[in-house]
Amino acid sequence: MPIVFIETNIRRVFIHHFFHNKSRVGDAEIRTLVDMALDRNNPREWYSALMDYGTHLAETIPNPNRKSTHYTKQSAFLGSKREVRGAILRALAENPLTERELLLLPFEKEGIVEVLLNLSSEDLIHRKGEQYYLGEK
């Protein structure tokens, strides 16, 4: 689905290319540019390439995300809620799954349930009947 969203690597790319002379950048400013640049025919491929490019930038230049009004130093990824979120989103990108199926992921069940609730409240995933899926309602 061609939905506008911002994550760390996307933020890094847009700050690096469009806000190099600005010291503080809010996501509202970035969101406008992401919306304008979004490939509405191939959003998954576009976001994947953008995130890969953001990863490359992270390895080659000082972190432009420090200019973001949302910048905080992240905790370790392994064992984090971010890892659980990523696993759930990857699984649902393949096909809709039930909560029972998602609880088979190799994480604490309480953490999976909490992340499912958060992703639902953020409208990143939706439940239809017994199945969770990505995209709009």
N, C-alpha and C. Protein backbone atom coordinates (compact mmCIF):
# COMPACT_ATOMS: atom_id res chain seq x y z
N MET A 1 0.85 -1.19 0.00
CA MET A 1 0.00 0.00 0.00
C MET A 1 0.90 1.25 0.00
N PRO A 2 0.57 2.23 -0.78
CA PRO A 2 1.36 3.46 -0.82
C PRO A 2 1.03 4.39 0.34
N ILE A 3 1.48 4.00 1.52
CA ILE A 3 1.23 4.76 2.75
C ILE A 3 2.50 5.51 3.14
N VAL A 4 2.36 6.76 3.52
CA VAL A 4 3.51 7.55 3.94
C VAL A 4 3.89 7.17 5.37
N PHE A 5 5.15 6.80 5.57
CA PHE A 5 5.64 6.58 6.91
C PHE A 5 7.11 6.96 6.98
N ILE A 6 7.57 7.20 8.19
CA ILE A 6 8.95 7.60 8.42
C ILE A 6 9.54 6.68 9.48
N GLU A 7 10.70 6.15 9.18
CA GLU A 7 11.46 5.41 10.16
C GLU A 7 12.89 5.94 10.11
N THR A 8 13.76 5.41 10.92
CA THR A 8 15.10 5.95 11.10
C THR A 8 15.86 6.15 9.79
N ASN A 9 15.91 5.13 8.95
CA ASN A 9 16.69 5.24 7.71
C ASN A 9 16.05 6.21 6.72
N ILE A 10 14.74 6.22 6.65
CA ILE A 10 14.05 7.16 5.77
C ILE A 10 14.32 8.59 6.24
N ARG A 11 14.22 8.80 7.55
CA ARG A 11 14.50 10.12 8.13
C ARG A 11 15.92 10.55 7.79
N ARG A 12 16.87 9.61 7.92
CA ARG A 12 18.28 9.90 7.64
C ARG A 12 18.47 10.38 6.20
N VAL A 13 17.87 9.69 5.24
CA VAL A 13 18.00 10.05 3.82
C VAL A 13 17.46 11.45 3.57
N PHE A 14 16.26 11.72 4.06
CA PHE A 14 15.63 13.01 3.76
C PHE A 14 16.33 14.17 4.47
N ILE A 15 16.77 13.96 5.70
CA ILE A 15 17.51 15.04 6.38
C ILE A 15 18.83 15.29 5.65
N HIS A 16 19.52 14.23 5.27
CA HIS A 16 20.81 14.37 4.58
C HIS A 16 20.66 15.14 3.27
N HIS A 17 19.64 14.84 2.50
CA HIS A 17 19.51 15.44 1.17
C HIS A 17 18.75 16.77 1.13
N PHE A 18 17.86 16.99 2.06
CA PHE A 18 17.02 18.18 1.97
C PHE A 18 17.17 19.18 3.11
N PHE A 19 17.85 18.80 4.19
CA PHE A 19 17.92 19.68 5.35
C PHE A 19 19.35 19.83 5.88
N HIS A 20 20.33 19.77 5.00
CA HIS A 20 21.71 19.81 5.46
C HIS A 20 22.09 21.14 6.11
N ASN A 21 21.38 22.21 5.82
CA ASN A 21 21.69 23.52 6.42
C ASN A 21 20.79 23.86 7.60
N LYS A 22 19.98 22.91 8.04
CA LYS A 22 19.04 23.18 9.13
C LYS A 22 19.47 22.38 10.37
N SER A 23 19.35 22.98 11.54
CA SER A 23 19.82 22.29 12.75
C SER A 23 18.74 21.44 13.43
N ARG A 24 17.45 21.76 13.24
CA ARG A 24 16.36 20.98 13.84
C ARG A 24 15.30 20.74 12.77
N VAL A 25 14.92 19.47 12.61
CA VAL A 25 13.95 19.10 11.58
C VAL A 25 12.87 18.23 12.20
N GLY A 26 11.62 18.60 12.01
CA GLY A 26 10.50 17.82 12.51
C GLY A 26 9.99 16.84 11.46
N ASP A 27 9.36 15.79 11.91
CA ASP A 27 8.84 14.78 10.99
C ASP A 27 7.76 15.33 10.06
N ALA A 28 7.04 16.36 10.47
CA ALA A 28 6.01 16.94 9.59
C ALA A 28 6.66 17.48 8.32
N GLU A 29 7.84 18.08 8.45
CA GLU A 29 8.55 18.59 7.27
C GLU A 29 9.01 17.44 6.38
N ILE A 30 9.49 16.38 7.00
CA ILE A 30 9.97 15.22 6.25
C ILE A 30 8.80 14.50 5.60
N ARG A 31 7.70 14.35 6.33
CA ARG A 31 6.52 13.63 5.83
C ARG A 31 6.02 14.22 4.51
N THR A 32 6.04 15.55 4.41
CA THR A 32 5.60 16.20 3.17
C THR A 32 6.46 15.76 2.00
N LEU A 33 7.77 15.69 2.20
CA LEU A 33 8.67 15.28 1.13
C LEU A 33 8.52 13.80 0.81
N VAL A 34 8.34 12.97 1.83
CA VAL A 34 8.15 11.54 1.60
C VAL A 34 6.88 11.33 0.77
N ASP A 35 5.84 12.06 1.10
CA ASP A 35 4.58 11.95 0.35
C ASP A 35 4.78 12.34 -1.11
N MET A 36 5.54 13.38 -1.36
CA MET A 36 5.78 13.83 -2.73
C MET A 36 6.64 12.84 -3.51
N ALA A 37 7.57 12.19 -2.84
CA ALA A 37 8.52 11.29 -3.52
C ALA A 37 8.03 9.84 -3.61
N LEU A 38 7.03 9.49 -2.84
CA LEU A 38 6.57 8.10 -2.75
C LEU A 38 6.19 7.52 -4.11
N ASP A 39 6.74 6.36 -4.42
CA ASP A 39 6.37 5.63 -5.63
C ASP A 39 5.07 4.90 -5.32
N ARG A 40 3.97 5.41 -5.81
CA ARG A 40 2.66 4.87 -5.47
C ARG A 40 2.35 3.57 -6.21
N ASN A 41 3.12 3.24 -7.24
CA ASN A 41 2.94 1.97 -7.94
C ASN A 41 3.74 0.84 -7.33
N ASN A 42 4.90 1.16 -6.75
CA ASN A 42 5.78 0.14 -6.15
C ASN A 42 6.29 0.62 -4.79
N PRO A 43 5.40 0.89 -3.83
CA PRO A 43 5.85 1.46 -2.56
C PRO A 43 6.77 0.54 -1.77
N ARG A 44 6.52 -0.74 -1.81
CA ARG A 44 7.36 -1.68 -1.04
C ARG A 44 8.80 -1.66 -1.56
N GLU A 45 8.95 -1.70 -2.87
CA GLU A 45 10.28 -1.68 -3.48
C GLU A 45 10.96 -0.33 -3.20
N TRP A 46 10.19 0.75 -3.31
CA TRP A 46 10.73 2.09 -3.08
C TRP A 46 11.21 2.25 -1.63
N TYR A 47 10.36 1.85 -0.68
CA TYR A 47 10.75 1.97 0.73
C TYR A 47 11.95 1.07 1.04
N SER A 48 11.98 -0.11 0.46
CA SER A 48 13.10 -1.02 0.69
C SER A 48 14.40 -0.39 0.21
N ALA A 49 14.38 0.17 -1.00
CA ALA A 49 15.58 0.82 -1.54
C ALA A 49 15.97 2.03 -0.69
N LEU A 50 14.99 2.80 -0.26
CA LEU A 50 15.25 3.98 0.55
C LEU A 50 15.87 3.58 1.89
N MET A 51 15.36 2.53 2.50
CA MET A 51 15.91 2.09 3.78
C MET A 51 17.32 1.53 3.60
N ASP A 52 17.55 0.82 2.49
CA ASP A 52 18.91 0.34 2.21
C ASP A 52 19.87 1.51 2.04
N TYR A 53 19.44 2.54 1.35
CA TYR A 53 20.27 3.72 1.16
C TYR A 53 20.53 4.40 2.51
N GLY A 54 19.52 4.47 3.36
CA GLY A 54 19.71 5.03 4.69
C GLY A 54 20.72 4.25 5.50
N THR A 55 20.70 2.93 5.36
CA THR A 55 21.69 2.08 6.04
C THR A 55 23.09 2.40 5.52
N HIS A 56 23.21 2.55 4.21
CA HIS A 56 24.51 2.91 3.61
C HIS A 56 24.99 4.25 4.17
N LEU A 57 24.11 5.24 4.23
CA LEU A 57 24.50 6.54 4.78
C LEU A 57 24.98 6.41 6.22
N ALA A 58 24.32 5.56 6.99
CA ALA A 58 24.69 5.37 8.39
C ALA A 58 26.12 4.86 8.52
N GLU A 59 26.56 4.12 7.52
CA GLU A 59 27.91 3.55 7.55
C GLU A 59 28.96 4.48 6.97
N THR A 60 28.54 5.56 6.30
CA THR A 60 29.51 6.37 5.57
C THR A 60 29.58 7.84 5.98
N ILE A 61 28.58 8.36 6.69
CA ILE A 61 28.58 9.77 7.07
C ILE A 61 28.16 9.91 8.53
N PRO A 62 28.48 11.04 9.16
CA PRO A 62 27.96 11.29 10.51
C PRO A 62 26.44 11.30 10.49
N ASN A 63 25.84 10.86 11.56
CA ASN A 63 24.39 10.66 11.62
C ASN A 63 23.58 11.95 11.49
N PRO A 64 22.90 12.16 10.33
CA PRO A 64 22.07 13.36 10.18
C PRO A 64 20.83 13.33 11.08
N ASN A 65 20.45 12.15 11.59
CA ASN A 65 19.26 12.05 12.44
C ASN A 65 19.40 12.84 13.73
N ARG A 66 20.60 13.21 14.07
CA ARG A 66 20.79 14.03 15.27
C ARG A 66 20.11 15.39 15.12
N LYS A 67 19.82 15.79 13.90
CA LYS A 67 19.11 17.04 13.65
C LYS A 67 17.60 16.90 13.85
N SER A 68 17.12 15.66 13.95
CA SER A 68 15.69 15.41 14.07
C SER A 68 15.19 15.80 15.46
N THR A 69 14.01 16.40 15.49
CA THR A 69 13.39 16.71 16.79
C THR A 69 12.98 15.43 17.52
N HIS A 70 12.99 14.30 16.81
CA HIS A 70 12.61 13.02 17.40
C HIS A 70 13.80 12.16 17.75
N TYR A 71 15.01 12.70 17.65
CA TYR A 71 16.21 11.90 17.85
C TYR A 71 16.39 11.48 19.30
N THR A 72 16.59 10.22 19.50
CA THR A 72 17.04 9.67 20.78
C THR A 72 17.95 8.51 20.44
N LYS A 73 18.94 8.27 21.26
CA LYS A 73 19.83 7.14 21.04
C LYS A 73 19.05 5.87 21.34
N GLN A 74 19.05 4.95 20.37
CA GLN A 74 18.26 3.74 20.53
C GLN A 74 18.99 2.70 21.38
N SER A 75 18.19 1.90 22.05
CA SER A 75 18.73 0.78 22.81
C SER A 75 19.12 -0.33 21.85
N ALA A 76 19.72 -1.37 22.36
CA ALA A 76 20.12 -2.51 21.53
C ALA A 76 18.90 -3.08 20.81
N PHE A 77 19.10 -3.53 19.57
CA PHE A 77 18.01 -4.06 18.76
C PHE A 77 17.60 -5.45 19.21
N LEU A 78 18.56 -6.33 19.43
CA LEU A 78 18.24 -7.71 19.81
C LEU A 78 17.48 -7.75 21.13
N GLY A 79 16.33 -8.40 21.08
CA GLY A 79 15.50 -8.52 22.28
C GLY A 79 14.60 -7.32 22.53
N SER A 80 14.65 -6.34 21.65
CA SER A 80 13.87 -5.12 21.85
C SER A 80 12.48 -5.24 21.22
N LYS A 81 11.62 -4.30 21.58
CA LYS A 81 10.30 -4.24 20.95
C LYS A 81 10.43 -3.93 19.46
N ARG A 82 11.49 -3.19 19.09
CA ARG A 82 11.72 -2.92 17.68
C ARG A 82 11.95 -4.22 16.91
N GLU A 83 12.66 -5.15 17.52
CA GLU A 83 12.90 -6.43 16.86
C GLU A 83 11.59 -7.20 16.69
N VAL A 84 10.75 -7.19 17.74
CA VAL A 84 9.45 -7.86 17.67
C VAL A 84 8.58 -7.20 16.60
N ARG A 85 8.53 -5.86 16.59
CA ARG A 85 7.75 -5.13 15.58
C ARG A 85 8.19 -5.53 14.17
N GLY A 86 9.49 -5.54 13.95
CA GLY A 86 10.02 -5.89 12.64
C GLY A 86 9.63 -7.29 12.23
N ALA A 87 9.72 -8.23 13.17
CA ALA A 87 9.37 -9.62 12.87
C ALA A 87 7.89 -9.75 12.52
N ILE A 88 7.05 -9.06 13.26
CA ILE A 88 5.61 -9.12 12.99
C ILE A 88 5.30 -8.50 11.62
N LEU A 89 5.87 -7.34 11.35
CA LEU A 89 5.61 -6.68 10.07
C LEU A 89 6.14 -7.51 8.90
N ARG A 90 7.31 -8.12 9.06
CA ARG A 90 7.84 -8.99 7.99
C ARG A 90 6.92 -10.17 7.75
N ALA A 91 6.45 -10.79 8.84
CA ALA A 91 5.56 -11.95 8.72
C ALA A 91 4.26 -11.56 8.03
N LEU A 92 3.69 -10.42 8.41
CA LEU A 92 2.42 -9.99 7.83
C LEU A 92 2.58 -9.46 6.40
N ALA A 93 3.79 -9.06 6.03
CA ALA A 93 4.03 -8.64 4.65
C ALA A 93 3.91 -9.82 3.69
N GLU A 94 4.15 -11.01 4.21
CA GLU A 94 4.03 -12.21 3.38
C GLU A 94 2.58 -12.62 3.19
N ASN A 95 1.80 -12.64 4.28
CA ASN A 95 0.38 -12.96 4.21
C ASN A 95 -0.27 -12.72 5.57
N PRO A 96 -1.60 -12.57 5.60
CA PRO A 96 -2.29 -12.38 6.87
C PRO A 96 -2.08 -13.59 7.79
N LEU A 97 -2.01 -13.33 9.09
CA LEU A 97 -1.81 -14.40 10.07
C LEU A 97 -2.72 -14.17 11.27
N THR A 98 -3.03 -15.25 11.96
CA THR A 98 -3.82 -15.14 13.18
C THR A 98 -2.90 -14.81 14.35
N GLU A 99 -3.48 -14.38 15.44
CA GLU A 99 -2.68 -14.11 16.64
C GLU A 99 -1.97 -15.39 17.08
N ARG A 100 -2.66 -16.49 16.99
CA ARG A 100 -2.07 -17.78 17.38
C ARG A 100 -0.81 -18.07 16.57
N GLU A 101 -0.86 -17.78 15.26
CA GLU A 101 0.31 -17.99 14.40
C GLU A 101 1.43 -17.02 14.75
N LEU A 102 1.07 -15.77 15.03
CA LEU A 102 2.07 -14.77 15.38
C LEU A 102 2.73 -15.08 16.73
N LEU A 103 2.00 -15.71 17.62
CA LEU A 103 2.56 -16.08 18.93
C LEU A 103 3.61 -17.17 18.81
N LEU A 104 3.75 -17.77 17.64
CA LEU A 104 4.79 -18.77 17.41
C LEU A 104 6.14 -18.14 17.09
N LEU A 105 6.16 -16.82 16.87
CA LEU A 105 7.43 -16.13 16.65
C LEU A 105 8.30 -16.29 17.89
N PRO A 106 9.63 -16.30 17.74
CA PRO A 106 10.52 -16.60 18.86
C PRO A 106 10.75 -15.45 19.84
N PHE A 107 9.64 -14.94 20.40
CA PHE A 107 9.71 -13.85 21.37
C PHE A 107 8.74 -14.16 22.50
N GLU A 108 8.87 -13.40 23.60
CA GLU A 108 7.94 -13.58 24.71
C GLU A 108 6.52 -13.25 24.24
N LYS A 109 5.58 -14.08 24.62
CA LYS A 109 4.20 -13.93 24.17
C LYS A 109 3.61 -12.58 24.58
N GLU A 110 3.92 -12.13 25.81
CA GLU A 110 3.39 -10.85 26.28
C GLU A 110 3.91 -9.71 25.41
N GLY A 111 5.17 -9.80 24.98
CA GLY A 111 5.76 -8.78 24.11
C GLY A 111 5.08 -8.76 22.76
N ILE A 112 4.78 -9.93 22.22
CA ILE A 112 4.10 -10.01 20.92
C ILE A 112 2.72 -9.38 21.01
N VAL A 113 1.98 -9.73 22.06
CA VAL A 113 0.62 -9.18 22.23
C VAL A 113 0.68 -7.66 22.39
N GLU A 114 1.63 -7.16 23.17
CA GLU A 114 1.77 -5.71 23.36
C GLU A 114 2.08 -5.02 22.02
N VAL A 115 2.99 -5.60 21.25
CA VAL A 115 3.35 -5.00 19.96
C VAL A 115 2.17 -5.05 18.99
N LEU A 116 1.41 -6.14 18.99
CA LEU A 116 0.22 -6.22 18.14
C LEU A 116 -0.76 -5.10 18.47
N LEU A 117 -0.97 -4.85 19.75
CA LEU A 117 -1.86 -3.76 20.16
C LEU A 117 -1.32 -2.40 19.71
N ASN A 118 0.00 -2.21 19.86
CA ASN A 118 0.60 -0.94 19.44
C ASN A 118 0.50 -0.74 17.94
N LEU A 119 0.84 -1.77 17.17
CA LEU A 119 0.76 -1.67 15.72
C LEU A 119 -0.67 -1.41 15.26
N SER A 120 -1.63 -2.02 15.94
CA SER A 120 -3.04 -1.80 15.62
C SER A 120 -3.44 -0.36 15.93
N SER A 121 -3.03 0.13 17.08
CA SER A 121 -3.40 1.51 17.46
C SER A 121 -2.74 2.53 16.55
N GLU A 122 -1.60 2.17 15.95
CA GLU A 122 -0.91 3.06 15.01
C GLU A 122 -1.45 2.89 13.58
N ASP A 123 -2.44 2.02 13.42
CA ASP A 123 -3.04 1.73 12.11
C ASP A 123 -2.04 1.17 11.10
N LEU A 124 -0.99 0.52 11.58
CA LEU A 124 -0.05 -0.15 10.67
C LEU A 124 -0.53 -1.55 10.32
N ILE A 125 -1.27 -2.17 11.25
CA ILE A 125 -1.88 -3.47 10.98
C ILE A 125 -3.35 -3.39 11.37
N HIS A 126 -4.13 -4.32 10.82
CA HIS A 126 -5.56 -4.37 11.13
C HIS A 126 -5.98 -5.81 11.31
N ARG A 127 -7.04 -5.99 12.02
CA ARG A 127 -7.56 -7.32 12.25
C ARG A 127 -8.91 -7.44 11.54
N LYS A 128 -9.04 -8.51 10.79
CA LYS A 128 -10.29 -8.81 10.12
C LYS A 128 -10.61 -10.25 10.48
N GLY A 129 -11.66 -10.43 11.28
CA GLY A 129 -11.96 -11.76 11.79
C GLY A 129 -10.83 -12.20 12.71
N GLU A 130 -10.27 -13.33 12.44
CA GLU A 130 -9.18 -13.87 13.26
C GLU A 130 -7.80 -13.44 12.77
N GLN A 131 -7.73 -12.84 11.58
CA GLN A 131 -6.42 -12.57 10.98
C GLN A 131 -6.00 -11.11 11.07
N TYR A 132 -4.69 -10.95 11.27
CA TYR A 132 -4.05 -9.63 11.20
C TYR A 132 -3.47 -9.48 9.82
N TYR A 133 -3.48 -8.25 9.31
CA TYR A 133 -2.89 -7.98 8.01
C TYR A 133 -2.36 -6.55 7.96
N LEU A 134 -1.47 -6.29 7.01
CA LEU A 134 -0.93 -4.95 6.80
C LEU A 134 -1.89 -4.14 5.94
N GLY A 135 -1.79 -2.84 6.07
CA GLY A 135 -2.53 -1.98 5.17
C GLY A 135 -3.73 -1.32 5.80
N GLU A 136 -4.47 -0.66 4.95
CA GLU A 136 -5.63 0.10 5.42
C GLU A 136 -6.80 -0.82 5.70
N LYS A 137 -7.73 -0.32 6.50
CA LYS A 137 -8.92 -1.09 6.89
C LYS A 137 -9.77 -1.40 5.68
